[in-house]
């Protein structure tokens, strides 16, 4: 209906030339810019979804027409491994870093952007084959860097808890202090990292608390309970693999929030129990949960191989439509290790004379402000010898399970607090125990 060729050849190109002229002030500025060489030492920090943060040093040198980066990094997650390797890159337009390298024996690709002043770099690196596996990346040139905290080993601490938290950045040599209510002592300190033992008082109000190291400042969130969990990304697509085509996985993380006066307060990314469920009735009918793929306990969903699959209805392929569920529970964290309270409770419930629903496993401040497990048990016997025997069996069972002997409190029947739906409230049980409100 339109004479499009006439419009393109008579009008459109003139409009484009007017909107995007070949000569303009931005183009002249870019041509005249003196780009700063990236050669030197860089402070690197980043986050690998599902695995946690990392930090370290990147050394950049010139290599002919390329730039070479040497990485000496540390994993801040539970593995605590070193991450080493190197890469070779080209910098396009003076700012766009495109590199290929190897980290811990895995071939990688890098897509970074340098800031206009040449002192900052941001972007992402990823597995050369599985581009969905990788890490967010930020780097600051060490020479002349301001005092700043770039990343923390943890963003939060629970009310009444003592926890080691490491701050990583630049210029971290000054005096360490914190807002009132947070107790802290220095475990280790140098210009790039500070490890603190932080204690959140039992009666401290939940909220955000400032921690300063000289001129550098960051915030630690103190929480008493989790009110909401958000799974990220909210939706995504994982691609089936098959033949020479590798699958594309999807990585999920669970972020916890608590209610504040002015809205929800972000606590941070937390460990979760990961499950999949059918997204709708069609997915349930087609049994997508059984065929579409699986999710591991780091939150990574790995799709199945492509079909057709003779075991499926209509012999269709293994595509599916799933809901990802991340359940953040009241983890017990002892000496940096995570323990599911449900696992401890189940083990104790298997003992003679104890019933399901009568046990709550929580953590409480122990000696030298270290967290210790406490097992709260609704006990029906009043015989002292029987009560002592129950205590000993519980201690032996828990020690065999997690390697630590717990505090055991035998309390009155029907005294463990419940939610309105009848579920055990471990947060409230812990609070009541510490307040002396749960009695034998």
Protein backbone atom coordinates (compact mmCIF):
# COMPACT_ATOMS: atom_id res chain seq x y z
CA UNK A 1 0.00 0.00 0.00
CA UNK A 2 3.01 2.29 0.45
CA UNK A 3 5.60 3.39 -2.08
CA UNK A 4 8.33 2.31 0.30
CA UNK A 5 11.15 2.39 -2.25
CA UNK A 6 10.47 6.00 -3.10
CA UNK A 7 10.32 6.87 0.62
CA UNK A 8 13.62 5.13 1.35
CA UNK A 9 15.45 6.73 -1.56
CA UNK A 10 14.02 10.21 -1.20
CA UNK A 11 13.12 10.81 2.46
CA UNK A 12 14.37 8.15 4.88
CA UNK A 13 18.11 8.52 4.27
CA UNK A 14 17.84 12.29 4.77
CA UNK A 15 16.09 11.81 8.11
CA UNK A 16 18.72 9.28 9.22
CA UNK A 17 21.54 11.62 8.19
CA UNK A 18 19.94 14.37 10.23
CA UNK A 19 19.45 12.15 13.29
CA UNK A 20 22.85 10.45 13.07
CA UNK A 21 25.29 12.77 11.26
CA UNK A 22 28.73 11.45 10.38
CA UNK A 23 30.32 14.50 11.98
CA UNK A 24 29.21 15.64 15.44
CA UNK A 25 30.66 16.76 18.76
CA UNK A 26 30.58 13.26 20.29
CA UNK A 27 32.45 11.79 17.33
CA UNK A 28 35.07 14.56 17.47
CA UNK A 29 35.48 14.02 21.24
CA UNK A 30 35.95 10.27 20.78
CA UNK A 31 38.56 10.74 18.03
CA UNK A 32 40.53 13.23 20.13
CA UNK A 33 40.42 11.18 23.35
CA UNK A 34 43.70 9.95 24.85
CA UNK A 35 42.84 6.50 26.13
CA UNK A 36 44.53 5.40 29.32
CA UNK A 37 46.45 2.15 29.08
CA UNK A 38 45.05 -0.64 31.32
CA UNK A 39 48.57 -1.89 32.13
CA UNK A 40 49.07 -2.29 35.88
CA UNK A 41 47.59 -3.90 39.00
CA UNK A 42 43.81 -4.12 39.46
CA UNK A 43 41.70 -5.07 42.47
CA UNK A 44 39.11 -7.57 41.27
CA UNK A 45 35.82 -8.58 42.91
CA UNK A 46 32.74 -10.32 41.58
CA UNK A 47 29.91 -12.75 42.09
CA UNK A 48 29.28 -16.18 40.55
CA UNK A 49 25.55 -16.96 40.75
CA UNK A 50 24.97 -20.10 42.76
CA UNK A 51 28.55 -20.16 44.05
CA UNK A 52 29.13 -16.82 45.77
CA UNK A 53 31.68 -14.06 45.59
CA UNK A 54 35.33 -13.99 44.61
CA UNK A 55 38.14 -11.46 45.03
CA UNK A 56 41.79 -10.98 44.19
CA UNK A 57 44.32 -9.28 41.94
CA UNK A 58 44.54 -8.93 38.16
CA UNK A 59 47.87 -7.93 36.58
CA UNK A 60 47.66 -6.51 33.04
CA UNK A 61 50.65 -6.22 30.72
CA UNK A 62 51.14 -5.40 27.05
CA UNK A 63 51.60 -8.37 24.68
CA UNK A 64 52.22 -7.03 21.18
CA UNK A 65 48.90 -5.79 19.80
CA UNK A 66 47.09 -7.50 22.68
CA UNK A 67 46.80 -7.17 26.45
CA UNK A 68 47.57 -10.06 28.79
CA UNK A 69 45.81 -10.45 32.15
CA UNK A 70 47.11 -12.69 34.95
CA UNK A 71 44.52 -13.62 37.60
CA UNK A 72 45.21 -14.52 41.25
CA UNK A 73 41.75 -14.80 42.81
CA UNK A 74 40.09 -16.42 45.82
CA UNK A 75 36.68 -18.05 46.00
CA UNK A 76 34.70 -16.58 48.92
CA UNK A 77 32.14 -19.40 48.95
CA UNK A 78 32.21 -22.61 50.95
CA UNK A 79 34.81 -24.20 48.65
CA UNK A 80 37.36 -21.47 49.43
CA UNK A 81 39.52 -22.48 46.46
CA UNK A 82 42.08 -20.42 44.56
CA UNK A 83 41.08 -19.24 41.09
CA UNK A 84 44.08 -18.67 38.84
CA UNK A 85 44.66 -18.23 35.14
CA UNK A 86 45.30 -15.75 32.37
CA UNK A 87 43.73 -14.24 29.28
CA UNK A 88 44.63 -12.34 26.12
CA UNK A 89 42.42 -9.51 24.92
CA UNK A 90 41.80 -6.82 22.36
CA UNK A 91 40.41 -3.43 23.41
CA UNK A 92 38.05 -1.98 20.81
CA UNK A 93 37.21 1.75 20.60
CA UNK A 94 39.51 2.38 23.57
CA UNK A 95 36.99 0.96 26.05
CA UNK A 96 35.60 -2.43 25.02
CA UNK A 97 37.66 -5.36 26.35
CA UNK A 98 37.12 -8.70 24.57
CA UNK A 99 39.26 -11.52 25.86
CA UNK A 100 39.82 -15.28 25.76
CA UNK A 101 41.52 -17.11 28.60
CA UNK A 102 41.69 -20.00 31.02
CA UNK A 103 40.63 -20.05 34.69
CA UNK A 104 41.43 -23.18 36.71
CA UNK A 105 41.81 -25.17 33.50
CA UNK A 106 38.49 -24.01 31.98
CA UNK A 107 38.49 -22.00 28.76
CA UNK A 108 36.72 -18.66 29.24
CA UNK A 109 35.54 -15.57 27.39
CA UNK A 110 35.56 -12.01 28.75
CA UNK A 111 33.34 -9.04 27.93
CA UNK A 112 34.39 -5.98 29.95
CA UNK A 113 34.00 -2.21 29.59
CA UNK A 114 36.60 0.29 30.80
CA UNK A 115 35.46 3.55 32.30
CA UNK A 116 36.24 6.80 30.48
CA UNK A 117 38.99 7.66 33.01
CA UNK A 118 40.51 4.18 32.59
CA UNK A 119 40.40 3.37 36.31
CA UNK A 120 37.38 1.06 36.49
CA UNK A 121 36.27 -2.01 34.61
CA UNK A 122 32.95 -3.88 34.72
CA UNK A 123 31.45 -6.78 32.83
CA UNK A 124 31.16 -10.54 32.82
CA UNK A 125 33.27 -13.60 32.04
CA UNK A 126 31.85 -17.00 31.14
CA UNK A 127 32.67 -20.56 30.18
CA UNK A 128 33.65 -20.68 26.50
CA UNK A 129 31.14 -23.45 25.76
CA UNK A 130 28.49 -22.92 28.44
CA UNK A 131 28.02 -19.16 28.29
CA UNK A 132 25.38 -19.39 31.01
CA UNK A 133 28.12 -20.34 33.52
CA UNK A 134 30.32 -17.46 34.61
CA UNK A 135 30.71 -14.52 36.92
CA UNK A 136 29.95 -10.84 37.24
CA UNK A 137 33.17 -8.81 37.22
CA UNK A 138 34.35 -5.47 38.52
CA UNK A 139 37.88 -4.15 38.82
CA UNK A 140 39.47 -1.01 40.25
CA UNK A 141 42.97 0.16 39.36
CA UNK A 142 45.04 -0.11 42.56
CA UNK A 143 47.24 2.88 41.82
CA UNK A 144 45.52 5.89 43.39
CA UNK A 145 42.33 4.02 44.35
CA UNK A 146 40.11 5.50 47.05
CA UNK A 147 39.42 3.62 50.28
CA UNK A 148 36.35 1.52 49.53
CA UNK A 149 34.63 -1.78 50.30
CA UNK A 150 33.86 -3.59 47.04
CA UNK A 151 32.42 -6.88 48.30
CA UNK A 152 31.68 -8.71 51.58
CA UNK A 153 31.72 -12.41 52.41
CA UNK A 154 28.24 -11.91 53.89
CA UNK A 155 25.77 -9.03 53.81
CA UNK A 156 23.90 -10.03 56.96
CA UNK A 157 24.00 -11.40 60.49
CA UNK A 158 21.19 -12.77 62.60
CA UNK A 159 20.09 -11.16 65.84
CA UNK A 160 22.11 -12.68 68.72
CA UNK A 161 24.66 -14.26 66.35
CA UNK A 162 28.46 -14.01 66.21
CA UNK A 163 29.89 -14.33 62.73
CA UNK A 164 33.14 -13.79 60.84
CA UNK A 165 32.64 -11.42 57.91
CA UNK A 166 35.40 -10.38 55.52
CA UNK A 167 35.41 -7.01 53.74
CA UNK A 168 37.38 -6.78 50.49
CA UNK A 169 38.34 -3.61 48.66
CA UNK A 170 41.10 -1.01 48.53
CA UNK A 171 42.76 1.19 51.14
CA UNK A 172 41.35 -0.77 54.10
CA UNK A 173 44.04 0.21 56.61
CA UNK A 174 42.18 2.68 58.80
CA UNK A 175 40.42 2.39 62.15
CA UNK A 176 37.54 -0.09 62.25
CA UNK A 177 34.26 0.91 63.89
CA UNK A 178 30.56 0.06 63.77
CA UNK A 179 27.21 1.52 64.73
CA UNK A 180 26.08 0.98 68.30
CA UNK A 181 24.72 -2.51 68.86
CA UNK A 182 27.31 -4.33 66.76
CA UNK A 183 30.31 -5.69 68.63
CA UNK A 184 33.40 -6.38 66.56
CA UNK A 185 37.01 -7.46 66.80
CA UNK A 186 39.66 -7.60 64.07
CA UNK A 187 40.77 -11.08 63.04
CA UNK A 188 42.98 -9.95 60.13
CA UNK A 189 43.62 -6.66 58.34
CA UNK A 190 45.67 -5.43 55.38
CA UNK A 191 45.17 -2.80 52.71
CA UNK A 192 42.95 -5.05 50.56
CA UNK A 193 40.95 -7.08 53.12
CA UNK A 194 39.67 -6.97 56.67
CA UNK A 195 38.21 -9.98 58.47
CA UNK A 196 36.01 -9.08 61.42
CA UNK A 197 34.29 -11.11 64.10
CA UNK A 198 30.95 -9.35 64.45
CA UNK A 199 28.39 -9.91 67.18
CA UNK A 200 24.81 -8.70 66.88
CA UNK A 201 23.38 -8.26 70.37
CA UNK A 202 20.33 -10.27 71.40
CA UNK A 203 18.26 -7.12 71.85
CA UNK A 204 19.56 -5.20 68.83
CA UNK A 205 16.85 -3.83 66.56
CA UNK A 206 16.71 -5.40 63.10
CA UNK A 207 17.93 -3.10 60.35
CA UNK A 208 20.98 -1.83 58.48
CA UNK A 209 24.13 -1.03 60.50
CA UNK A 210 27.16 0.89 59.28
CA UNK A 211 30.68 -0.55 59.47
CA UNK A 212 33.61 1.73 58.63
CA UNK A 213 37.28 1.06 57.94
CA UNK A 214 39.02 4.43 57.83
CA UNK A 215 37.33 6.31 55.00
CA UNK A 216 35.66 3.19 53.60
CA UNK A 217 32.09 2.44 54.60
CA UNK A 218 29.67 -0.45 54.13
CA UNK A 219 26.49 -1.81 55.73
CA UNK A 220 25.60 -5.06 57.49
CA UNK A 221 21.94 -6.05 57.82
CA UNK A 222 20.82 -7.48 61.16
CA UNK A 223 17.68 -9.61 60.87
CA UNK A 224 15.49 -11.49 63.32
CA UNK A 225 13.35 -13.39 60.81
CA UNK A 226 12.75 -13.74 57.10
CA UNK A 227 9.42 -12.37 55.88
CA UNK A 228 9.75 -12.89 52.14
CA UNK A 229 11.94 -14.75 49.67
CA UNK A 230 12.37 -13.69 46.05
CA UNK A 231 13.73 -16.13 43.47
CA UNK A 232 15.88 -14.57 40.75
CA UNK A 233 15.62 -14.51 37.82
CA UNK A 234 11.83 -14.33 38.01
CA UNK A 235 11.63 -16.21 34.72
CA UNK A 236 14.13 -17.53 32.22
CA UNK A 237 14.61 -20.10 29.47
CA UNK A 238 16.85 -23.17 29.65
CA UNK A 239 17.59 -24.80 26.30
CA UNK A 240 17.58 -28.55 25.70
CA UNK A 241 20.84 -30.02 24.49
CA UNK A 242 21.34 -32.59 21.77
CA UNK A 243 23.82 -33.69 19.13
CA UNK A 244 26.59 -31.09 18.88
CA UNK A 245 24.48 -28.45 20.60
CA UNK A 246 25.26 -28.10 24.33
CA UNK A 247 22.38 -27.48 26.73
CA UNK A 248 21.91 -24.04 28.25
CA UNK A 249 21.28 -24.22 31.97
CA UNK A 250 19.54 -21.67 34.19
CA UNK A 251 20.95 -20.46 37.50
CA UNK A 252 18.66 -19.34 40.32
CA UNK A 253 19.34 -17.62 43.65
CA UNK A 254 17.12 -16.95 46.65
CA UNK A 255 17.17 -13.46 48.17
CA UNK A 256 15.62 -12.96 51.60
CA UNK A 257 13.76 -9.85 52.79
CA UNK A 258 12.35 -8.68 56.10
CA UNK A 259 9.67 -6.10 56.78
CA UNK A 260 10.82 -2.58 57.68
CA UNK A 261 9.08 0.65 58.63
CA UNK A 262 9.34 2.00 55.10
CA UNK A 263 8.95 -1.26 53.20
CA UNK A 264 10.88 -4.47 52.76
CA UNK A 265 14.58 -4.54 53.67
CA UNK A 266 16.84 -6.75 51.58
CA UNK A 267 18.76 -9.19 53.79
CA UNK A 268 20.77 -10.91 51.07
CA UNK A 269 21.27 -14.09 49.08
CA UNK A 270 20.74 -17.18 51.23
CA UNK A 271 21.19 -20.95 50.86
CA UNK A 272 17.96 -22.63 49.82
CA UNK A 273 16.41 -26.03 49.30
CA UNK A 274 15.66 -26.21 45.56
CA UNK A 275 12.70 -28.00 43.99
CA UNK A 276 10.79 -28.00 40.69
CA UNK A 277 7.03 -28.20 40.20
CA UNK A 278 4.72 -28.14 37.15
CA UNK A 279 3.93 -24.59 36.05
CA UNK A 280 0.32 -25.32 35.11
CA UNK A 281 -2.19 -28.11 34.49
CA UNK A 282 -0.74 -28.91 31.05
CA UNK A 283 2.74 -29.28 32.53
CA UNK A 284 1.36 -31.58 35.21
CA UNK A 285 -0.50 -33.71 32.65
CA UNK A 286 2.65 -34.02 30.49
CA UNK A 287 4.77 -34.81 33.57
CA UNK A 288 7.25 -32.09 32.71
CA UNK A 289 8.88 -32.48 36.14
CA UNK A 290 9.97 -36.01 35.20
CA UNK A 291 11.33 -35.19 31.75
CA UNK A 292 12.35 -31.55 31.31
CA UNK A 293 15.46 -31.57 33.53
CA UNK A 294 16.67 -31.38 37.11
CA UNK A 295 17.84 -28.75 39.57
CA UNK A 296 20.80 -29.22 41.92
CA UNK A 297 21.19 -27.73 45.38
CA UNK A 298 23.25 -24.79 44.13
CA UNK A 299 20.11 -23.62 42.28
CA UNK A 300 21.34 -24.60 38.81
CA UNK A 301 18.71 -26.13 36.52
CA UNK A 302 20.13 -28.47 33.87
CA UNK A 303 17.71 -29.26 31.03
CA UNK A 304 17.41 -32.77 29.63
CA UNK A 305 18.55 -33.88 26.20
CA UNK A 306 16.28 -33.10 23.27
CA UNK A 307 13.74 -35.67 22.10
CA UNK A 308 11.71 -37.22 20.67
CA UNK A 309 11.25 -39.30 23.80
CA UNK A 310 9.22 -42.54 23.39
CA UNK A 311 8.57 -42.61 27.15
CA UNK A 312 6.59 -39.36 26.97
CA UNK A 313 3.01 -38.89 25.95
CA UNK A 314 2.80 -38.53 22.15
CA UNK A 315 6.56 -39.39 22.09
CA UNK A 316 7.20 -35.66 22.24
CA UNK A 317 10.55 -34.05 23.08
CA UNK A 318 11.72 -33.17 26.60
CA UNK A 319 10.67 -29.53 26.62
CA UNK A 320 8.67 -28.45 29.66
CA UNK A 321 7.18 -25.59 31.61
CA UNK A 322 8.28 -25.59 35.24
CA UNK A 323 8.05 -23.54 38.41
CA UNK A 324 11.28 -23.22 40.39
CA UNK A 325 10.85 -23.30 44.17
CA UNK A 326 13.55 -22.16 46.58
CA UNK A 327 12.82 -22.76 50.25
CA UNK A 328 14.94 -20.74 52.66
CA UNK A 329 14.84 -22.40 56.03
CA UNK A 330 16.18 -21.46 59.46
CA UNK A 331 19.72 -22.68 58.82
CA UNK A 332 21.92 -23.44 61.79
CA UNK A 333 25.39 -22.08 61.05
CA UNK A 334 28.14 -23.48 63.29
CA UNK A 335 31.82 -22.74 62.63
CA UNK A 336 30.93 -21.53 59.14
CA UNK A 337 29.09 -24.75 58.18
CA UNK A 338 25.40 -24.88 57.31
CA UNK A 339 23.15 -27.47 58.98
CA UNK A 340 19.46 -27.95 58.18
CA UNK A 341 17.47 -27.97 61.44
CA UNK A 342 15.02 -30.43 59.87
CA UNK A 343 17.83 -32.98 59.47
CA UNK A 344 18.78 -32.66 63.12
CA UNK A 345 15.16 -32.81 64.28
CA UNK A 346 14.47 -35.90 62.18
CA UNK A 347 17.49 -37.70 63.63
CA UNK A 348 16.39 -36.91 67.20
CA UNK A 349 12.79 -37.95 66.48
CA UNK A 350 14.01 -41.47 65.67
CA UNK A 351 15.01 -42.02 69.29
CA UNK A 352 12.69 -44.04 71.52
CA UNK A 353 10.13 -42.11 73.60
CA UNK A 354 10.34 -39.01 71.35
CA UNK A 355 7.64 -37.90 68.97
CA UNK A 356 7.61 -36.03 65.67
CA UNK A 357 6.79 -32.39 66.29
CA UNK A 358 8.23 -32.39 69.81
CA UNK A 359 11.70 -31.14 68.78
CA UNK A 360 13.08 -27.77 67.65
CA UNK A 361 16.70 -27.38 66.60
CA UNK A 362 18.03 -23.81 66.85
CA UNK A 363 21.35 -22.07 67.45
CA UNK A 364 22.18 -19.95 70.49
CA UNK A 365 25.21 -17.95 71.67
CA UNK A 366 27.73 -20.27 73.33
CA UNK A 367 31.13 -19.82 74.91
CA UNK A 368 33.21 -16.89 73.66
CA UNK A 369 30.13 -15.68 71.75
CA UNK A 370 30.33 -18.61 69.29
CA UNK A 371 27.05 -20.09 68.08
CA UNK A 372 26.16 -23.54 69.43
CA UNK A 373 23.23 -25.85 68.59
CA UNK A 374 20.38 -26.14 71.06
CA UNK A 375 17.79 -28.92 70.93
CA UNK A 376 14.47 -27.98 72.52
CA UNK A 377 12.44 -31.08 73.36
CA UNK A 378 8.91 -31.31 74.71
CA UNK A 379 9.35 -33.96 77.38
CA UNK A 380 6.52 -35.79 79.14
CA UNK A 381 8.38 -37.71 81.79
CA UNK A 382 9.24 -36.19 85.18
CA UNK A 383 11.58 -39.00 86.24
CA UNK A 384 15.06 -37.49 86.68
CA UNK A 385 16.92 -40.63 85.59
CA UNK A 386 14.80 -40.94 82.43
CA UNK A 387 15.28 -37.24 81.63
CA UNK A 388 19.06 -37.55 82.05
CA UNK A 389 19.10 -40.61 79.77
CA UNK A 390 17.10 -38.73 77.09
CA UNK A 391 19.51 -35.80 77.25
CA UNK A 392 22.53 -38.06 76.82
CA UNK A 393 21.02 -39.93 73.86
CA UNK A 394 20.15 -36.64 72.13
CA UNK A 395 23.67 -35.30 72.64
CA UNK A 396 25.20 -38.49 71.25
CA UNK A 397 22.87 -38.47 68.22
CA UNK A 398 23.49 -34.84 67.31
CA UNK A 399 27.25 -35.13 67.87
CA UNK A 400 27.35 -38.12 65.52
CA UNK A 401 25.42 -36.11 62.91
CA UNK A 402 27.22 -32.74 62.94
CA UNK A 403 30.30 -33.33 65.10
CA UNK A 404 29.21 -30.96 67.88
CA UNK A 405 27.57 -31.71 71.22
CA UNK A 406 24.46 -29.53 71.64
CA UNK A 407 22.72 -27.87 74.53
CA UNK A 408 19.61 -29.93 75.32
CA UNK A 409 16.60 -28.31 76.99
CA UNK A 410 13.71 -30.54 78.07
CA UNK A 411 10.64 -28.32 78.17
CA UNK A 412 6.98 -28.73 79.00
CA UNK A 413 4.62 -30.47 76.54
CA UNK A 414 2.76 -28.19 74.09
CA UNK A 415 5.12 -25.28 74.80
CA UNK A 416 6.89 -24.99 71.43
CA UNK A 417 5.42 -22.01 69.55
CA UNK A 418 3.48 -22.58 66.33
CA UNK A 419 2.41 -20.41 63.45
CA UNK A 420 -1.27 -19.77 62.67
CA UNK A 421 -1.13 -22.73 60.27
CA UNK A 422 0.28 -25.03 62.94
CA UNK A 423 3.90 -25.11 61.75
CA UNK A 424 6.79 -24.97 64.17
CA UNK A 425 8.23 -21.45 64.55
CA UNK A 426 11.95 -21.93 65.23
CA UNK A 427 12.61 -18.18 65.27
CA UNK A 428 10.09 -17.65 68.06
CA UNK A 429 11.22 -20.80 69.89
CA UNK A 430 14.78 -19.47 69.91
CA UNK A 431 13.63 -16.07 71.17
CA UNK A 432 11.52 -17.62 73.92
CA UNK A 433 14.33 -19.92 75.00
CA UNK A 434 16.85 -17.06 75.22
CA UNK A 435 14.30 -15.01 77.17
CA UNK A 436 13.78 -17.87 79.65
CA UNK A 437 10.15 -18.33 78.66
CA UNK A 438 10.41 -22.08 77.85
CA UNK A 439 10.45 -24.02 81.08
CA UNK A 440 10.66 -27.68 82.06
